[in-house]
N, C-alpha and C. Protein backbone atom coordinates (compact mmCIF):
# COMPACT_ATOMS: atom_id res chain seq x y z
N GLN A 1 11.18 -22.22 -3.71
CA GLN A 1 10.42 -21.28 -3.20
C GLN A 1 8.73 -21.68 -3.20
N VAL A 2 7.86 -20.34 -2.77
CA VAL A 2 6.74 -20.79 -2.26
C VAL A 2 6.57 -20.49 -3.82
N GLN A 3 5.37 -20.65 -4.50
CA GLN A 3 4.74 -20.07 -5.27
C GLN A 3 3.57 -20.40 -5.93
N LEU A 4 2.51 -19.82 -5.86
CA LEU A 4 0.69 -20.30 -6.59
C LEU A 4 0.63 -19.57 -8.03
N VAL A 5 -0.39 -20.09 -8.99
CA VAL A 5 0.08 -19.78 -9.65
C VAL A 5 -1.28 -20.32 -10.85
N GLU A 6 -2.55 -19.32 -10.74
CA GLU A 6 -3.32 -19.06 -10.82
C GLU A 6 -3.44 -19.60 -12.58
N SER A 7 -5.06 -20.29 -12.77
CA SER A 7 -5.20 -20.15 -14.36
C SER A 7 -6.34 -20.30 -14.83
N GLY A 8 -6.80 -20.36 -16.03
CA GLY A 8 -8.56 -20.82 -16.56
C GLY A 8 -9.78 -19.77 -16.36
N GLY A 9 -8.39 -18.17 -15.89
CA GLY A 9 -9.95 -17.27 -16.26
C GLY A 9 -10.58 -16.43 -17.65
N GLY A 10 -10.76 -15.87 -18.31
CA GLY A 10 -11.64 -15.47 -19.23
C GLY A 10 -12.51 -14.73 -19.17
N LEU A 11 -12.97 -14.98 -20.61
CA LEU A 11 -14.56 -14.00 -21.28
C LEU A 11 -14.76 -15.02 -21.26
N VAL A 12 -16.90 -14.76 -20.45
CA VAL A 12 -17.72 -15.82 -20.36
C VAL A 12 -19.27 -15.16 -20.67
N GLN A 13 -19.67 -15.89 -21.35
CA GLN A 13 -21.47 -15.25 -21.00
C GLN A 13 -21.95 -14.79 -20.05
N PRO A 14 -22.84 -14.55 -19.28
CA PRO A 14 -23.66 -14.78 -18.53
C PRO A 14 -24.25 -16.44 -18.45
N GLY A 15 -24.75 -16.69 -16.83
CA GLY A 15 -24.82 -18.30 -17.11
C GLY A 15 -24.08 -19.71 -16.98
N GLY A 16 -22.58 -19.35 -18.01
CA GLY A 16 -21.92 -19.88 -18.77
C GLY A 16 -20.87 -20.11 -17.48
N SER A 17 -19.80 -20.79 -17.80
CA SER A 17 -18.88 -21.67 -16.64
C SER A 17 -17.40 -21.47 -17.02
N LEU A 18 -16.57 -21.62 -15.15
CA LEU A 18 -15.69 -22.18 -16.10
C LEU A 18 -14.96 -22.57 -15.22
N ARG A 19 -13.24 -22.81 -15.15
CA ARG A 19 -12.85 -23.77 -14.03
C ARG A 19 -11.41 -23.19 -14.17
N LEU A 20 -11.45 -22.42 -12.61
CA LEU A 20 -9.49 -21.82 -12.45
C LEU A 20 -9.32 -23.20 -11.52
N SER A 21 -8.00 -22.73 -11.94
CA SER A 21 -6.75 -23.87 -11.45
C SER A 21 -5.89 -23.07 -9.96
N CYS A 22 -5.31 -23.63 -9.67
CA CYS A 22 -4.78 -22.55 -8.52
C CYS A 22 -3.53 -23.80 -8.88
N ALA A 23 -2.43 -24.18 -8.83
CA ALA A 23 -1.19 -24.47 -9.32
C ALA A 23 0.14 -24.09 -7.66
N ALA A 24 0.20 -24.98 -6.98
CA ALA A 24 1.49 -24.50 -6.22
C ALA A 24 2.62 -25.35 -6.44
N SER A 25 3.84 -24.52 -6.89
CA SER A 25 5.12 -24.91 -6.21
C SER A 25 6.27 -24.60 -5.10
N GLY A 26 6.89 -25.42 -4.29
CA GLY A 26 7.68 -24.98 -3.38
C GLY A 26 7.05 -26.14 -2.08
N PHE A 27 5.89 -25.90 -1.94
CA PHE A 27 5.36 -26.86 -0.90
C PHE A 27 3.95 -27.70 -1.13
N THR A 28 3.54 -28.84 -0.32
CA THR A 28 2.32 -29.02 -0.88
C THR A 28 1.38 -29.08 -0.20
N LEU A 29 0.30 -28.37 -1.02
CA LEU A 29 -1.22 -28.11 -1.06
C LEU A 29 -2.07 -28.61 -0.13
N ASP A 30 -2.16 -29.92 0.28
CA ASP A 30 -2.89 -30.66 1.00
C ASP A 30 -2.56 -30.19 2.60
N ARG A 31 -1.64 -29.71 2.99
CA ARG A 31 -1.21 -29.21 4.57
C ARG A 31 -1.27 -27.21 4.88
N TYR A 32 -2.15 -27.76 3.99
CA TYR A 32 -1.94 -25.45 3.86
C TYR A 32 -3.80 -25.66 3.62
N ALA A 33 -4.78 -24.07 3.74
CA ALA A 33 -5.60 -24.05 3.74
C ALA A 33 -5.68 -23.36 2.68
N ILE A 34 -6.80 -23.75 2.16
CA ILE A 34 -6.19 -22.77 0.33
C ILE A 34 -7.76 -21.86 0.56
N GLY A 35 -7.57 -20.63 -0.27
CA GLY A 35 -8.88 -20.78 0.33
C GLY A 35 -9.34 -19.37 -1.29
N TRP A 36 -10.05 -18.66 -1.76
CA TRP A 36 -10.22 -18.69 -3.44
C TRP A 36 -11.02 -17.04 -2.75
N PHE A 37 -10.09 -16.12 -4.00
CA PHE A 37 -10.60 -14.35 -3.10
C PHE A 37 -10.73 -13.89 -4.22
N ARG A 38 -11.91 -13.07 -4.69
CA ARG A 38 -11.68 -12.08 -5.94
C ARG A 38 -11.59 -10.40 -5.82
N GLN A 39 -11.43 -9.71 -6.49
CA GLN A 39 -11.32 -8.14 -6.55
C GLN A 39 -12.16 -7.62 -8.17
N ALA A 40 -12.68 -6.55 -7.21
CA ALA A 40 -13.54 -6.07 -8.48
C ALA A 40 -12.47 -5.00 -8.80
N PRO A 41 -13.06 -4.07 -10.13
CA PRO A 41 -13.03 -2.33 -9.44
C PRO A 41 -13.34 -1.83 -8.70
N GLY A 42 -12.53 -0.83 -8.08
CA GLY A 42 -12.43 -0.14 -6.84
C GLY A 42 -13.74 -0.67 -6.02
N LYS A 43 -13.85 -1.96 -5.29
CA LYS A 43 -13.57 -2.86 -4.43
C LYS A 43 -12.89 -3.83 -3.82
N GLU A 44 -13.00 -4.31 -2.51
CA GLU A 44 -12.48 -4.58 -1.44
C GLU A 44 -12.27 -5.79 -1.61
N ARG A 45 -11.04 -6.20 -1.63
CA ARG A 45 -10.66 -8.29 -2.03
C ARG A 45 -11.93 -8.78 -1.01
N GLU A 46 -12.69 -10.23 -1.48
CA GLU A 46 -13.76 -10.92 -1.31
C GLU A 46 -12.83 -12.09 -0.83
N GLY A 47 -13.80 -12.77 0.37
CA GLY A 47 -13.36 -14.45 0.04
C GLY A 47 -14.40 -14.96 -0.65
N VAL A 48 -14.27 -15.89 -1.28
CA VAL A 48 -14.98 -16.82 -2.09
C VAL A 48 -15.79 -17.80 -1.87
N SER A 49 -14.57 -18.98 -1.54
CA SER A 49 -14.39 -20.16 -1.24
C SER A 49 -12.98 -20.60 -0.41
N CYS A 50 -13.74 -21.43 0.16
CA CYS A 50 -11.94 -21.86 1.02
C CYS A 50 -12.93 -23.80 1.75
N ILE A 51 -11.09 -24.62 1.37
CA ILE A 51 -11.34 -25.91 2.00
C ILE A 51 -9.80 -25.92 2.88
N SER A 52 -10.19 -26.61 3.86
CA SER A 52 -9.92 -26.19 5.07
C SER A 52 -8.40 -28.14 5.05
N ARG A 53 -7.41 -27.99 5.20
CA ARG A 53 -6.44 -28.79 5.18
C ARG A 53 -5.89 -30.51 6.18
N SER A 54 -7.37 -30.06 6.86
CA SER A 54 -7.38 -31.72 8.00
C SER A 54 -8.49 -32.68 7.14
N ASP A 55 -9.98 -31.73 6.97
CA ASP A 55 -10.70 -32.63 6.43
C ASP A 55 -10.96 -32.76 4.88
N GLY A 56 -10.60 -31.06 4.58
CA GLY A 56 -11.78 -30.94 2.91
C GLY A 56 -12.64 -30.25 3.69
N SER A 57 -12.98 -30.42 4.27
CA SER A 57 -13.96 -29.41 4.77
C SER A 57 -14.43 -28.15 3.91
N THR A 58 -14.83 -27.69 3.37
CA THR A 58 -15.27 -26.59 2.09
C THR A 58 -16.72 -25.09 2.93
N ASN A 59 -15.96 -24.06 2.69
CA ASN A 59 -17.59 -23.27 2.92
C ASN A 59 -17.00 -22.02 1.60
N TYR A 60 -17.99 -21.37 1.64
CA TYR A 60 -18.70 -20.52 0.26
C TYR A 60 -19.84 -18.72 0.92
N ALA A 61 -19.17 -18.05 0.12
CA ALA A 61 -20.18 -17.16 0.65
C ALA A 61 -20.83 -17.15 -0.20
N ASP A 62 -22.20 -16.37 0.69
CA ASP A 62 -23.14 -16.93 0.48
C ASP A 62 -23.82 -15.86 -1.40
N SER A 63 -22.72 -15.42 -1.84
CA SER A 63 -22.73 -14.68 -2.96
C SER A 63 -22.84 -15.99 -4.05
N VAL A 64 -22.04 -17.51 -3.90
CA VAL A 64 -22.06 -18.62 -4.63
C VAL A 64 -22.17 -19.38 -4.42
N LYS A 65 -22.99 -19.58 -2.96
CA LYS A 65 -23.30 -21.06 -2.78
C LYS A 65 -23.93 -21.83 -3.92
N GLY A 66 -24.12 -22.31 -4.66
CA GLY A 66 -25.00 -23.65 -5.51
C GLY A 66 -24.44 -23.70 -6.47
N ARG A 67 -23.62 -22.20 -7.47
CA ARG A 67 -22.90 -21.90 -8.17
C ARG A 67 -21.39 -22.46 -8.17
N PHE A 68 -21.01 -22.51 -7.39
CA PHE A 68 -19.53 -22.47 -7.08
C PHE A 68 -18.96 -23.72 -6.47
N THR A 69 -17.87 -24.55 -6.31
CA THR A 69 -17.11 -25.67 -6.34
C THR A 69 -15.93 -26.06 -6.30
N ILE A 70 -15.01 -25.86 -4.87
CA ILE A 70 -13.57 -25.58 -4.80
C ILE A 70 -13.71 -27.40 -4.45
N SER A 71 -12.59 -27.54 -4.88
CA SER A 71 -11.47 -29.09 -4.79
C SER A 71 -10.19 -28.91 -5.17
N ARG A 72 -10.10 -30.66 -4.11
CA ARG A 72 -8.80 -30.26 -4.75
C ARG A 72 -8.13 -31.71 -5.10
N ASP A 73 -7.01 -31.63 -5.53
CA ASP A 73 -6.65 -32.32 -6.06
C ASP A 73 -5.02 -33.03 -5.83
N ASN A 74 -4.67 -33.66 -4.60
CA ASN A 74 -3.45 -34.11 -4.64
C ASN A 74 -2.15 -34.13 -4.99
N ALA A 75 -2.66 -34.97 -5.96
CA ALA A 75 -1.94 -35.80 -6.81
C ALA A 75 -1.20 -34.55 -7.75
N LYS A 76 -2.03 -33.85 -8.25
CA LYS A 76 -1.57 -32.60 -9.42
C LYS A 76 -0.95 -31.64 -8.12
N ASN A 77 -1.14 -31.38 -6.97
CA ASN A 77 -1.17 -30.03 -6.51
C ASN A 77 -1.78 -29.11 -7.00
N THR A 78 -2.63 -29.33 -7.03
CA THR A 78 -3.42 -27.98 -7.59
C THR A 78 -5.07 -28.45 -6.70
N VAL A 79 -5.82 -26.96 -6.84
CA VAL A 79 -6.96 -26.26 -6.61
C VAL A 79 -8.21 -26.17 -7.24
N TYR A 80 -9.11 -26.44 -7.57
CA TYR A 80 -9.32 -25.62 -8.64
C TYR A 80 -11.02 -25.17 -7.84
N LEU A 81 -11.47 -24.45 -8.73
CA LEU A 81 -13.30 -23.14 -8.36
C LEU A 81 -14.18 -23.44 -9.93
N GLN A 82 -14.89 -24.25 -9.46
CA GLN A 82 -15.81 -24.51 -10.84
C GLN A 82 -16.62 -23.63 -10.24
N MET A 83 -17.13 -23.19 -11.94
CA MET A 83 -17.43 -21.78 -11.77
C MET A 83 -19.08 -21.76 -12.42
N SER A 84 -19.92 -22.34 -12.28
CA SER A 84 -20.98 -22.04 -12.65
C SER A 84 -22.62 -20.87 -13.11
N SER A 85 -22.61 -21.38 -13.74
CA SER A 85 -24.12 -19.31 -13.45
C SER A 85 -23.64 -18.81 -13.25
N LEU A 86 -22.90 -18.46 -14.62
CA LEU A 86 -22.22 -17.34 -13.87
C LEU A 86 -23.19 -15.69 -14.55
N ARG A 87 -22.74 -14.89 -13.40
CA ARG A 87 -23.38 -13.71 -13.47
C ARG A 87 -22.54 -12.12 -13.72
N PRO A 88 -22.78 -11.57 -14.77
CA PRO A 88 -21.94 -9.92 -14.95
C PRO A 88 -21.02 -9.27 -13.48
N GLU A 89 -21.62 -9.54 -12.15
CA GLU A 89 -20.97 -9.26 -10.56
C GLU A 89 -20.36 -10.29 -10.53
N ASP A 90 -20.18 -11.70 -11.42
CA ASP A 90 -19.12 -12.46 -10.75
C ASP A 90 -17.65 -11.82 -12.00
N THR A 91 -17.90 -11.08 -12.35
CA THR A 91 -16.22 -10.34 -13.11
C THR A 91 -15.86 -9.69 -12.03
N ALA A 92 -14.30 -10.12 -11.82
CA ALA A 92 -13.41 -9.72 -10.99
C ALA A 92 -12.21 -10.21 -10.94
N VAL A 93 -11.19 -9.93 -10.58
CA VAL A 93 -9.74 -10.76 -10.83
C VAL A 93 -9.89 -11.69 -9.79
N TYR A 94 -9.53 -13.28 -9.81
CA TYR A 94 -8.81 -14.21 -8.85
C TYR A 94 -8.12 -14.53 -8.55
N TYR A 95 -7.90 -14.40 -6.70
CA TYR A 95 -6.46 -15.09 -6.67
C TYR A 95 -7.16 -16.26 -5.83
N CYS A 96 -5.96 -16.87 -5.68
CA CYS A 96 -5.86 -18.56 -4.33
C CYS A 96 -4.95 -17.90 -4.00
N ALA A 97 -5.03 -18.53 -2.20
CA ALA A 97 -4.47 -17.86 -1.63
C ALA A 97 -4.03 -19.77 -0.30
N ALA A 98 -3.15 -18.83 -0.05
CA ALA A 98 -2.64 -20.52 1.11
C ALA A 98 -2.20 -20.28 2.24
N ASP A 99 -2.62 -20.79 3.18
CA ASP A 99 -2.22 -20.68 5.24
C ASP A 99 -1.80 -21.92 6.12
N ARG A 100 -1.28 -22.28 6.53
CA ARG A 100 -1.53 -22.57 7.86
C ARG A 100 0.01 -22.55 8.68
N VAL A 101 -0.05 -21.24 9.12
CA VAL A 101 0.32 -20.35 10.22
C VAL A 101 -1.39 -19.89 10.87
N HIS A 102 -1.95 -18.90 10.77
CA HIS A 102 -3.17 -18.73 10.80
C HIS A 102 -3.99 -19.49 11.15
N ILE A 103 -4.98 -19.76 10.23
CA ILE A 103 -6.21 -21.13 10.24
C ILE A 103 -5.59 -22.37 10.56
N PRO A 104 -6.38 -22.93 11.16
CA PRO A 104 -6.42 -24.19 12.58
C PRO A 104 -6.15 -25.07 11.81
N ARG A 105 -5.96 -26.23 11.42
CA ARG A 105 -5.44 -27.59 11.67
C ARG A 105 -7.56 -27.29 10.97
N TYR A 106 -8.08 -28.00 11.87
CA TYR A 106 -9.32 -28.49 11.50
C TYR A 106 -10.63 -26.87 11.08
N GLY A 107 -9.60 -26.11 10.39
CA GLY A 107 -10.69 -24.56 9.76
C GLY A 107 -10.71 -24.04 9.46
N SER A 108 -10.98 -23.28 8.60
CA SER A 108 -10.61 -22.72 7.34
C SER A 108 -11.63 -21.49 7.17
N SER A 109 -11.03 -20.34 6.17
CA SER A 109 -12.05 -18.80 6.71
C SER A 109 -11.55 -18.31 5.09
N LEU A 110 -12.42 -16.88 5.08
CA LEU A 110 -12.69 -16.06 3.75
C LEU A 110 -12.79 -15.27 4.01
N ALA A 111 -11.21 -14.90 4.83
CA ALA A 111 -10.87 -13.75 5.94
C ALA A 111 -8.89 -13.27 4.72
N PRO A 112 -9.57 -11.98 4.13
CA PRO A 112 -8.30 -12.33 3.44
C PRO A 112 -6.95 -11.92 4.49
N SER A 113 -7.11 -11.78 5.37
CA SER A 113 -6.29 -11.27 6.40
C SER A 113 -5.36 -12.57 6.95
N ASP A 114 -6.13 -13.34 6.14
CA ASP A 114 -5.79 -14.38 7.39
C ASP A 114 -5.05 -15.73 6.38
N TYR A 115 -4.39 -15.17 5.30
CA TYR A 115 -3.47 -15.78 4.11
C TYR A 115 -2.39 -15.70 4.34
N THR A 116 -1.71 -16.49 4.22
CA THR A 116 0.29 -16.57 3.80
C THR A 116 0.67 -15.84 2.50
N PHE A 117 0.11 -16.94 1.84
CA PHE A 117 0.81 -17.22 0.38
C PHE A 117 0.01 -16.46 -0.47
N TRP A 118 -0.10 -16.04 -1.51
CA TRP A 118 -1.34 -15.98 -2.65
C TRP A 118 -0.33 -14.74 -4.18
N GLY A 119 -1.98 -16.37 -4.86
CA GLY A 119 -1.03 -15.66 -6.58
C GLY A 119 -0.85 -14.62 -7.08
N GLN A 120 -0.84 -14.61 -7.97
CA GLN A 120 -0.56 -13.49 -9.24
C GLN A 120 -2.36 -12.97 -9.60
N GLY A 121 -3.17 -14.01 -9.34
CA GLY A 121 -4.50 -13.70 -9.54
C GLY A 121 -4.99 -13.77 -11.53
N THR A 122 -6.42 -14.37 -11.74
CA THR A 122 -6.24 -14.72 -12.98
C THR A 122 -7.99 -13.37 -13.61
N GLN A 123 -8.23 -13.16 -14.60
CA GLN A 123 -9.37 -12.20 -14.79
C GLN A 123 -10.19 -12.78 -15.42
N VAL A 124 -11.54 -12.93 -13.93
CA VAL A 124 -13.00 -13.71 -15.37
C VAL A 124 -13.99 -12.46 -15.51
N THR A 125 -14.29 -12.42 -16.65
CA THR A 125 -15.52 -11.37 -16.81
C THR A 125 -16.34 -11.95 -17.65
N VAL A 126 -17.63 -11.52 -16.73
CA VAL A 126 -19.07 -12.13 -17.42
C VAL A 126 -19.76 -10.89 -18.16
N SER A 127 -19.88 -11.02 -19.57
CA SER A 127 -20.84 -10.03 -20.16
C SER A 127 -20.77 -11.16 -21.16
N SER A 128 -21.71 -10.75 -21.99
CA SER A 128 -22.10 -11.00 -22.76
C SER A 128 -21.71 -9.90 -24.31
């Protein structure tokens, strides 16, 4: 059974850091493009970062460039999102997603519609 499980969310003060984890079971993560997304109340789900399944190339939304870093640990079958210099506007439910059907081997995507498998999400709240 294909499953993605996010963890690592929580409450953090502005300027703080969190590391989110996305653990996969039932499939091998490095054979899939992986994306991190977030959805705040009343807003549409938006792409935050992604990593390709071929060469590990990465992409980031402009709003998080220089603050967030995506990485993959193949031995642990886990993808991480290191988040630093957090802002109140980063508050949202964060989701990871995987795909190898719509996204080309050497590509990546920040579009939610391109992803096939989704985790259940983890809440990140940035507040003093």
